[in-house]
Amino acid sequence: MISEIDLVGYAAPMMVLLMTREMILRTLDLLSHVAVVIISIAMCLLPVLLPHLMLLQMSALRLWDMLTGTSGAASSQHANGSPDRSRVVRS
């Protein structure tokens, strides 16, 4: 009998095979990182856990950018207000 943790372990690489469209790709990428984080916590695999925690944050940010229609550069520029014009030299 296959345990629940084995199913999570099998689900992570299988999600990669299902990636076809970009939105589906980002969502499955996020879910596969969650599956790897769960399996690495359950099996106490710290060297696997740490990189996937970082990749999980990056995947979540990319999916958020895709859902909101912003990019990292556009959102940082929006957060700062107008573009920096202090470097413009006028003659």
PDB file of N, CA and C in Angstrom:
ATOM      1  N   MET A   1       0.841  -1.189   0.000  1.00  0.00           N
ATOM      2  CA  MET A   1       0.000   0.000   0.000  1.00  0.00           C
ATOM      3  C   MET A   1       0.879   1.243   0.000  1.00  0.00           C
ATOM      4  N   ILE A   2       0.516   2.206  -0.811  1.00  0.00           N
ATOM      5  CA  ILE A   2       1.283   3.446  -0.917  1.00  0.00           C
ATOM      6  C   ILE A   2       0.790   4.431   0.139  1.00  0.00           C
ATOM      7  N   SER A   3       1.721   5.002   0.889  1.00  0.00           N
ATOM      8  CA  SER A   3       1.342   5.967   1.922  1.00  0.00           C
ATOM      9  C   SER A   3       1.132   7.346   1.296  1.00  0.00           C
ATOM     10  N   GLU A   4       0.570   8.244   2.096  1.00  0.00           N
ATOM     11  CA  GLU A   4       0.290   9.600   1.607  1.00  0.00           C
ATOM     12  C   GLU A   4       1.568  10.346   1.243  1.00  0.00           C
ATOM     13  N   ILE A   5       2.615  10.125   2.023  1.00  0.00           N
ATOM     14  CA  ILE A   5       3.862  10.841   1.767  1.00  0.00           C
ATOM     15  C   ILE A   5       4.505  10.347   0.476  1.00  0.00           C
ATOM     16  N   ASP A   6       4.319   9.068   0.146  1.00  0.00           N
ATOM     17  CA  ASP A   6       4.815   8.561  -1.131  1.00  0.00           C
ATOM     18  C   ASP A   6       4.063   9.192  -2.299  1.00  0.00           C
ATOM     19  N   LEU A   7       2.755   9.393  -2.128  1.00  0.00           N
ATOM     20  CA  LEU A   7       1.966  10.039  -3.178  1.00  0.00           C
ATOM     21  C   LEU A   7       2.438  11.477  -3.420  1.00  0.00           C
ATOM     22  N   VAL A   8       2.771  12.172  -2.346  1.00  0.00           N
ATOM     23  CA  VAL A   8       3.297  13.542  -2.495  1.00  0.00           C
ATOM     24  C   VAL A   8       4.640  13.500  -3.208  1.00  0.00           C
ATOM     25  N   GLY A   9       5.456  12.517  -2.871  1.00  0.00           N
ATOM     26  CA  GLY A   9       6.759  12.370  -3.517  1.00  0.00           C
ATOM     27  C   GLY A   9       6.638  12.056  -4.996  1.00  0.00           C
ATOM     28  N   TYR A  10       5.659  11.265  -5.369  1.00  0.00           N
ATOM     29  CA  TYR A  10       5.434  10.948  -6.780  1.00  0.00           C
ATOM     30  C   TYR A  10       4.771  12.109  -7.514  1.00  0.00           C
ATOM     31  N   ALA A  11       3.995  12.900  -6.794  1.00  0.00           N
ATOM     32  CA  ALA A  11       3.255  13.996  -7.424  1.00  0.00           C
ATOM     33  C   ALA A  11       4.184  15.107  -7.916  1.00  0.00           C
ATOM     34  N   ALA A  12       5.263  15.367  -7.203  1.00  0.00           N
ATOM     35  CA  ALA A  12       6.164  16.467  -7.584  1.00  0.00           C
ATOM     36  C   ALA A  12       6.738  16.298  -8.986  1.00  0.00           C
ATOM     37  N   PRO A  13       7.358  15.170  -9.334  1.00  0.00           N
ATOM     38  CA  PRO A  13       7.877  15.059 -10.704  1.00  0.00           C
ATOM     39  C   PRO A  13       6.779  14.879 -11.751  1.00  0.00           C
ATOM     40  N   MET A  14       5.642  14.301 -11.367  1.00  0.00           N
ATOM     41  CA  MET A  14       4.555  14.124 -12.332  1.00  0.00           C
ATOM     42  C   MET A  14       3.954  15.457 -12.743  1.00  0.00           C
ATOM     43  N   MET A  15       3.952  16.431 -11.837  1.00  0.00           N
ATOM     44  CA  MET A  15       3.418  17.749 -12.175  1.00  0.00           C
ATOM     45  C   MET A  15       4.263  18.423 -13.250  1.00  0.00           C
ATOM     46  N   VAL A  16       5.542  18.155 -13.239  1.00  0.00           N
ATOM     47  CA  VAL A  16       6.431  18.735 -14.237  1.00  0.00           C
ATOM     48  C   VAL A  16       6.070  18.230 -15.630  1.00  0.00           C
ATOM     49  N   LEU A  17       5.665  16.981 -15.725  1.00  0.00           N
ATOM     50  CA  LEU A  17       5.306  16.407 -17.020  1.00  0.00           C
ATOM     51  C   LEU A  17       4.023  17.008 -17.595  1.00  0.00           C
ATOM     52  N   LEU A  18       3.182  17.563 -16.744  1.00  0.00           N
ATOM     53  CA  LEU A  18       1.900  18.111 -17.189  1.00  0.00           C
ATOM     54  C   LEU A  18       1.976  19.573 -17.629  1.00  0.00           C
ATOM     55  N   MET A  19       3.134  20.179 -17.538  1.00  0.00           N
ATOM     56  CA  MET A  19       3.274  21.605 -17.810  1.00  0.00           C
ATOM     57  C   MET A  19       3.233  21.883 -19.315  1.00  0.00           C
ATOM     58  N   THR A  20       2.197  22.571 -19.772  1.00  0.00           N
ATOM     59  CA  THR A  20       2.081  22.893 -21.193  1.00  0.00           C
ATOM     60  C   THR A  20       1.901  24.387 -21.424  1.00  0.00           C
ATOM     61  N   ARG A  21       0.959  25.006 -20.772  1.00  0.00           N
ATOM     62  CA  ARG A  21       0.735  26.438 -20.943  1.00  0.00           C
ATOM     63  C   ARG A  21       1.423  27.204 -19.818  1.00  0.00           C
ATOM     64  N   GLU A  22       1.623  28.491 -20.054  1.00  0.00           N
ATOM     65  CA  GLU A  22       2.412  29.252 -19.086  1.00  0.00           C
ATOM     66  C   GLU A  22       1.711  29.388 -17.741  1.00  0.00           C
ATOM     67  N   MET A  23       0.405  29.672 -17.725  1.00  0.00           N
ATOM     68  CA  MET A  23      -0.306  29.794 -16.457  1.00  0.00           C
ATOM     69  C   MET A  23      -0.347  28.448 -15.736  1.00  0.00           C
ATOM     70  N   ILE A  24      -0.598  27.387 -16.494  1.00  0.00           N
ATOM     71  CA  ILE A  24      -0.588  26.054 -15.901  1.00  0.00           C
ATOM     72  C   ILE A  24       0.819  25.715 -15.426  1.00  0.00           C
ATOM     73  N   LEU A  25       1.816  26.119 -16.204  1.00  0.00           N
ATOM     74  CA  LEU A  25       3.203  25.881 -15.845  1.00  0.00           C
ATOM     75  C   LEU A  25       3.547  26.538 -14.515  1.00  0.00           C
ATOM     76  N   ARG A  26       3.172  27.792 -14.365  1.00  0.00           N
ATOM     77  CA  ARG A  26       3.483  28.508 -13.118  1.00  0.00           C
ATOM     78  C   ARG A  26       2.751  27.901 -11.928  1.00  0.00           C
ATOM     79  N   THR A  27       1.481  27.526 -12.130  1.00  0.00           N
ATOM     80  CA  THR A  27       0.702  26.947 -11.040  1.00  0.00           C
ATOM     81  C   THR A  27       1.257  25.586 -10.637  1.00  0.00           C
ATOM     82  N   LEU A  28       1.549  24.750 -11.619  1.00  0.00           N
ATOM     83  CA  LEU A  28       2.098  23.435 -11.304  1.00  0.00           C
ATOM     84  C   LEU A  28       3.511  23.531 -10.746  1.00  0.00           C
ATOM     85  N   ASP A  29       4.260  24.541 -11.187  1.00  0.00           N
ATOM     86  CA  ASP A  29       5.590  24.767 -10.638  1.00  0.00           C
ATOM     87  C   ASP A  29       5.490  25.087  -9.147  1.00  0.00           C
ATOM     88  N   LEU A  30       4.544  25.929  -8.815  1.00  0.00           N
ATOM     89  CA  LEU A  30       4.325  26.284  -7.418  1.00  0.00           C
ATOM     90  C   LEU A  30       3.897  25.050  -6.612  1.00  0.00           C
ATOM     91  N   LEU A  31       2.976  24.276  -7.156  1.00  0.00           N
ATOM     92  CA  LEU A  31       2.507  23.071  -6.461  1.00  0.00           C
ATOM     93  C   LEU A  31       3.597  22.011  -6.336  1.00  0.00           C
ATOM     94  N   SER A  32       4.453  21.909  -7.355  1.00  0.00           N
ATOM     95  CA  SER A  32       5.533  20.922  -7.260  1.00  0.00           C
ATOM     96  C   SER A  32       6.555  21.323  -6.199  1.00  0.00           C
ATOM     97  N   HIS A  33       6.805  22.624  -6.054  1.00  0.00           N
ATOM     98  CA  HIS A  33       7.713  23.071  -4.983  1.00  0.00           C
ATOM     99  C   HIS A  33       7.094  22.812  -3.619  1.00  0.00           C
ATOM    100  N   VAL A  34       5.779  23.010  -3.501  1.00  0.00           N
ATOM    101  CA  VAL A  34       5.105  22.702  -2.239  1.00  0.00           C
ATOM    102  C   VAL A  34       5.232  21.208  -1.931  1.00  0.00           C
ATOM    103  N   ALA A  35       5.059  20.366  -2.950  1.00  0.00           N
ATOM    104  CA  ALA A  35       5.185  18.916  -2.740  1.00  0.00           C
ATOM    105  C   ALA A  35       6.595  18.540  -2.306  1.00  0.00           C
ATOM    106  N   VAL A  36       7.606  19.153  -2.921  1.00  0.00           N
ATOM    107  CA  VAL A  36       8.992  18.849  -2.547  1.00  0.00           C
ATOM    108  C   VAL A  36       9.280  19.348  -1.134  1.00  0.00           C
ATOM    109  N   VAL A  37       8.730  20.498  -0.762  1.00  0.00           N
ATOM    110  CA  VAL A  37       8.921  21.014   0.596  1.00  0.00           C
ATOM    111  C   VAL A  37       8.289  20.059   1.607  1.00  0.00           C
ATOM    112  N   ILE A  38       7.085  19.573   1.308  1.00  0.00           N
ATOM    113  CA  ILE A  38       6.419  18.640   2.222  1.00  0.00           C
ATOM    114  C   ILE A  38       7.224  17.355   2.375  1.00  0.00           C
ATOM    115  N   ILE A  39       7.669  16.797   1.266  1.00  0.00           N
ATOM    116  CA  ILE A  39       8.415  15.531   1.332  1.00  0.00           C
ATOM    117  C   ILE A  39       9.771  15.724   2.017  1.00  0.00           C
ATOM    118  N   SER A  40      10.405  16.876   1.803  1.00  0.00           N
ATOM    119  CA  SER A  40      11.710  17.093   2.440  1.00  0.00           C
ATOM    120  C   SER A  40      11.572  17.373   3.934  1.00  0.00           C
ATOM    121  N   ILE A  41      10.447  17.963   4.353  1.00  0.00           N
ATOM    122  CA  ILE A  41      10.214  18.128   5.792  1.00  0.00           C
ATOM    123  C   ILE A  41       9.935  16.774   6.425  1.00  0.00           C
ATOM    124  N   ALA A  42       9.113  15.968   5.748  1.00  0.00           N
ATOM    125  CA  ALA A  42       8.759  14.655   6.302  1.00  0.00           C
ATOM    126  C   ALA A  42       9.966  13.732   6.405  1.00  0.00           C
ATOM    127  N   MET A  43      10.906  13.858   5.460  1.00  0.00           N
ATOM    128  CA  MET A  43      12.076  12.980   5.463  1.00  0.00           C
ATOM    129  C   MET A  43      13.317  13.655   6.039  1.00  0.00           C
ATOM    130  N   CYS A  44      13.164  14.870   6.562  1.00  0.00           N
ATOM    131  CA  CYS A  44      14.263  15.628   7.178  1.00  0.00           C
ATOM    132  C   CYS A  44      15.426  15.825   6.216  1.00  0.00           C
ATOM    133  N   LEU A  45      15.131  16.302   5.020  1.00  0.00           N
ATOM    134  CA  LEU A  45      16.153  16.542   4.002  1.00  0.00           C
ATOM    135  C   LEU A  45      16.411  18.040   3.884  1.00  0.00           C
ATOM    136  N   LEU A  46      17.223  18.560   4.774  1.00  0.00           N
ATOM    137  CA  LEU A  46      17.502  19.991   4.810  1.00  0.00           C
ATOM    138  C   LEU A  46      18.169  20.510   3.535  1.00  0.00           C
ATOM    139  N   PRO A  47      19.133  19.782   2.931  1.00  0.00           N
ATOM    140  CA  PRO A  47      19.736  20.295   1.690  1.00  0.00           C
ATOM    141  C   PRO A  47      18.748  20.391   0.529  1.00  0.00           C
ATOM    142  N   VAL A  48      17.674  19.638   0.567  1.00  0.00           N
ATOM    143  CA  VAL A  48      16.647  19.726  -0.464  1.00  0.00           C
ATOM    144  C   VAL A  48      15.638  20.810  -0.106  1.00  0.00           C
ATOM    145  N   LEU A  49      15.363  20.961   1.173  1.00  0.00           N
ATOM    146  CA  LEU A  49      14.344  21.905   1.643  1.00  0.00           C
ATOM    147  C   LEU A  49      14.722  23.356   1.378  1.00  0.00           C
ATOM    148  N   LEU A  50      15.935  23.735   1.701  1.00  0.00           N
ATOM    149  CA  LEU A  50      16.326  25.147   1.608  1.00  0.00           C
ATOM    150  C   LEU A  50      16.247  25.712   0.192  1.00  0.00           C
ATOM    151  N   PRO A  51      16.785  25.054  -0.828  1.00  0.00           N
ATOM    152  CA  PRO A  51      16.649  25.636  -2.171  1.00  0.00           C
ATOM    153  C   PRO A  51      15.198  25.682  -2.654  1.00  0.00           C
ATOM    154  N   HIS A  52      14.411  24.685  -2.280  1.00  0.00           N
ATOM    155  CA  HIS A  52      13.023  24.680  -2.736  1.00  0.00           C
ATOM    156  C   HIS A  52      12.179  25.716  -2.006  1.00  0.00           C
ATOM    157  N   LEU A  53      12.553  26.084  -0.790  1.00  0.00           N
ATOM    158  CA  LEU A  53      11.861  27.185  -0.122  1.00  0.00           C
ATOM    159  C   LEU A  53      12.118  28.503  -0.853  1.00  0.00           C
ATOM    160  N   MET A  54      13.352  28.684  -1.328  1.00  0.00           N
ATOM    161  CA  MET A  54      13.657  29.892  -2.107  1.00  0.00           C
ATOM    162  C   MET A  54      12.956  29.860  -3.456  1.00  0.00           C
ATOM    163  N   LEU A  55      12.970  28.712  -4.107  1.00  0.00           N
ATOM    164  CA  LEU A  55      12.300  28.597  -5.393  1.00  0.00           C
ATOM    165  C   LEU A  55      10.791  28.739  -5.261  1.00  0.00           C
ATOM    166  N   LEU A  56      10.242  28.325  -4.126  1.00  0.00           N
ATOM    167  CA  LEU A  56       8.815  28.469  -3.880  1.00  0.00           C
ATOM    168  C   LEU A  56       8.428  29.942  -3.847  1.00  0.00           C
ATOM    169  N   GLN A  57       9.239  30.761  -3.198  1.00  0.00           N
ATOM    170  CA  GLN A  57       8.962  32.200  -3.149  1.00  0.00           C
ATOM    171  C   GLN A  57       9.061  32.826  -4.534  1.00  0.00           C
ATOM    172  N   MET A  58      10.068  32.426  -5.297  1.00  0.00           N
ATOM    173  CA  MET A  58      10.224  32.980  -6.645  1.00  0.00           C
ATOM    174  C   MET A  58       9.063  32.556  -7.542  1.00  0.00           C
ATOM    175  N   SER A  59       8.619  31.321  -7.424  1.00  0.00           N
ATOM    176  CA  SER A  59       7.497  30.846  -8.225  1.00  0.00           C
ATOM    177  C   SER A  59       6.216  31.580  -7.853  1.00  0.00           C
ATOM    178  N   ALA A  60       6.024  31.807  -6.561  1.00  0.00           N
ATOM    179  CA  ALA A  60       4.834  32.539  -6.123  1.00  0.00           C
ATOM    180  C   ALA A  60       4.858  33.970  -6.649  1.00  0.00           C
ATOM    181  N   LEU A  61       6.016  34.603  -6.644  1.00  0.00           N
ATOM    182  CA  LEU A  61       6.130  35.964  -7.155  1.00  0.00           C
ATOM    183  C   LEU A  61       5.871  36.016  -8.660  1.00  0.00           C
ATOM    184  N   ARG A  62       6.400  35.067  -9.394  1.00  0.00           N
ATOM    185  CA  ARG A  62       6.161  35.032 -10.845  1.00  0.00           C
ATOM    186  C   ARG A  62       4.695  34.791 -11.167  1.00  0.00           C
ATOM    187  N   LEU A  63       4.054  33.911 -10.413  1.00  0.00           N
ATOM    188  CA  LEU A  63       2.633  33.663 -10.629  1.00  0.00           C
ATOM    189  C   LEU A  63       1.816  34.896 -10.271  1.00  0.00           C
ATOM    190  N   TRP A  64       2.181  35.578  -9.203  1.00  0.00           N
ATOM    191  CA  TRP A  64       1.492  36.812  -8.803  1.00  0.00           C
ATOM    192  C   TRP A  64       1.652  37.885  -9.878  1.00  0.00           C
ATOM    193  N   ASP A  65       2.864  38.026 -10.411  1.00  0.00           N
ATOM    194  CA  ASP A  65       3.093  38.990 -11.479  1.00  0.00           C
ATOM    195  C   ASP A  65       2.247  38.663 -12.703  1.00  0.00           C
ATOM    196  N   MET A  66       2.123  37.387 -12.983  1.00  0.00           N
ATOM    197  CA  MET A  66       1.336  36.964 -14.129  1.00  0.00           C
ATOM    198  C   MET A  66      -0.155  37.229 -13.908  1.00  0.00           C
ATOM    199  N   LEU A  67      -0.638  36.984 -12.710  1.00  0.00           N
ATOM    200  CA  LEU A  67      -2.051  37.190 -12.407  1.00  0.00           C
ATOM    201  C   LEU A  67      -2.422  38.668 -12.362  1.00  0.00           C
ATOM    202  N   THR A  68      -1.507  39.500 -11.873  1.00  0.00           N
ATOM    203  CA  THR A  68      -1.801  40.934 -11.771  1.00  0.00           C
ATOM    204  C   THR A  68      -1.408  41.703 -13.020  1.00  0.00           C
ATOM    205  N   GLY A  69      -0.658  41.082 -13.906  1.00  0.00           N
ATOM    206  CA  GLY A  69      -0.259  41.748 -15.138  1.00  0.00           C
ATOM    207  C   GLY A  69       0.891  42.707 -14.974  1.00  0.00           C
ATOM    208  N   THR A  70       1.646  42.560 -13.910  1.00  0.00           N
ATOM    209  CA  THR A  70       2.808  43.422 -13.693  1.00  0.00           C
ATOM    210  C   THR A  70       4.065  42.595 -13.753  1.00  0.00           C
ATOM    211  N   SER A  71       5.161  43.264 -13.980  1.00  0.00           N
ATOM    212  CA  SER A  71       6.454  42.601 -13.914  1.00  0.00           C
ATOM    213  C   SER A  71       7.218  43.164 -12.727  1.00  0.00           C
ATOM    214  N   GLY A  72       8.323  42.556 -12.390  1.00  0.00           N
ATOM    215  CA  GLY A  72       9.109  43.029 -11.263  1.00  0.00           C
ATOM    216  C   GLY A  72       9.605  44.448 -11.451  1.00  0.00           C
ATOM    217  N   ALA A  73      10.052  44.783 -12.651  1.00  0.00           N
ATOM    218  CA  ALA A  73      10.562  46.131 -12.920  1.00  0.00           C
ATOM    219  C   ALA A  73       9.437  47.148 -12.875  1.00  0.00           C
ATOM    220  N   ALA A  74       8.290  46.788 -13.435  1.00  0.00           N
ATOM    221  CA  ALA A  74       7.165  47.716 -13.458  1.00  0.00           C
ATOM    222  C   ALA A  74       6.621  47.953 -12.061  1.00  0.00           C
ATOM    223  N   SER A  75       6.563  46.917 -11.249  1.00  0.00           N
ATOM    224  CA  SER A  75       6.033  47.081  -9.902  1.00  0.00           C
ATOM    225  C   SER A  75       6.988  47.878  -9.023  1.00  0.00           C
ATOM    226  N   SER A  76       8.297  47.718  -9.194  1.00  0.00           N
ATOM    227  CA  SER A  76       9.234  48.502  -8.398  1.00  0.00           C
ATOM    228  C   SER A  76       9.213  49.963  -8.826  1.00  0.00           C
ATOM    229  N   GLN A  77       9.026  50.196 -10.119  1.00  0.00           N
ATOM    230  CA  GLN A  77       8.930  51.568 -10.600  1.00  0.00           C
ATOM    231  C   GLN A  77       7.644  52.218 -10.095  1.00  0.00           C
ATOM    232  N   HIS A  78       6.565  51.449 -10.043  1.00  0.00           N
ATOM    233  CA  HIS A  78       5.305  51.957  -9.536  1.00  0.00           C
ATOM    234  C   HIS A  78       5.404  52.257  -8.044  1.00  0.00           C
ATOM    235  N   ALA A  79       6.141  51.439  -7.308  1.00  0.00           N
ATOM    236  CA  ALA A  79       6.300  51.644  -5.878  1.00  0.00           C
ATOM    237  C   ALA A  79       7.096  52.910  -5.584  1.00  0.00           C
ATOM    238  N   ASN A  80       8.020  53.251  -6.458  1.00  0.00           N
ATOM    239  CA  ASN A  80       8.845  54.435  -6.260  1.00  0.00           C
ATOM    240  C   ASN A  80       8.193  55.696  -6.805  1.00  0.00           C
ATOM    241  N   GLY A  81       7.052  55.595  -7.407  1.00  0.00           N
ATOM    242  CA  GLY A  81       6.406  56.759  -8.008  1.00  0.00           C
ATOM    243  C   GLY A  81       6.869  56.914  -9.432  1.00  0.00           C
ATOM    244  N   SER A  82       7.135  58.128  -9.814  1.00  0.00           N
ATOM    245  CA  SER A  82       7.579  58.381 -11.180  1.00  0.00           C
ATOM    246  C   SER A  82       9.036  57.965 -11.339  1.00  0.00           C
ATOM    247  N   PRO A  83       9.478  57.753 -12.572  1.00  0.00           N
ATOM    248  CA  PRO A  83      10.885  57.397 -12.791  1.00  0.00           C
ATOM    249  C   PRO A  83      11.820  58.492 -12.290  1.00  0.00           C
ATOM    250  N   ASP A  84      13.000  58.098 -11.939  1.00  0.00           N
ATOM    251  CA  ASP A  84      13.996  59.030 -11.415  1.00  0.00           C
ATOM    252  C   ASP A  84      14.463  59.966 -12.520  1.00  0.00           C
ATOM    253  N   ARG A  85      14.197  61.240 -12.343  1.00  0.00           N
ATOM    254  CA  ARG A  85      14.599  62.223 -13.346  1.00  0.00           C
ATOM    255  C   ARG A  85      15.727  63.115 -12.848  1.00  0.00           C
ATOM    256  N   SER A  86      16.308  62.750 -11.720  1.00  0.00           N
ATOM    257  CA  SER A  86      17.388  63.561 -11.173  1.00  0.00           C
ATOM    258  C   SER A  86      18.666  63.429 -12.004  1.00  0.00           C
ATOM    259  N   ARG A  87      18.767  62.402 -12.806  1.00  0.00           N
ATOM    260  CA  ARG A  87      19.974  62.196 -13.590  1.00  0.00           C
ATOM    261  C   ARG A  87      19.866  62.812 -14.973  1.00  0.00           C
ATOM    262  N   VAL A  88      18.750  63.420 -15.281  1.00  0.00           N
ATOM    263  CA  VAL A  88      18.575  64.034 -16.602  1.00  0.00           C
ATOM    264  C   VAL A  88      19.384  65.331 -16.643  1.00  0.00           C
ATOM    265  N   VAL A  89      20.238  65.440 -17.645  1.00  0.00           N
ATOM    266  CA  VAL A  89      21.073  66.634 -17.788  1.00  0.00           C
ATOM    267  C   VAL A  89      20.426  67.524 -18.831  1.00  0.00           C
ATOM    268  N   ARG A  90      20.149  68.757 -18.434  1.00  0.00           N
ATOM    269  CA  ARG A  90      19.558  69.715 -19.379  1.00  0.00           C
ATOM    270  C   ARG A  90      20.590  70.753 -19.752  1.00  0.00           C
ATOM    271  N   SER A  91      20.601  71.088 -21.010  1.00  0.00           N
ATOM    272  CA  SER A  91      21.582  72.084 -21.432  1.00  0.00           C
ATOM    273  C   SER A  91      20.927  73.373 -21.822  1.00  0.00           C
TER     274      SER A  91
END
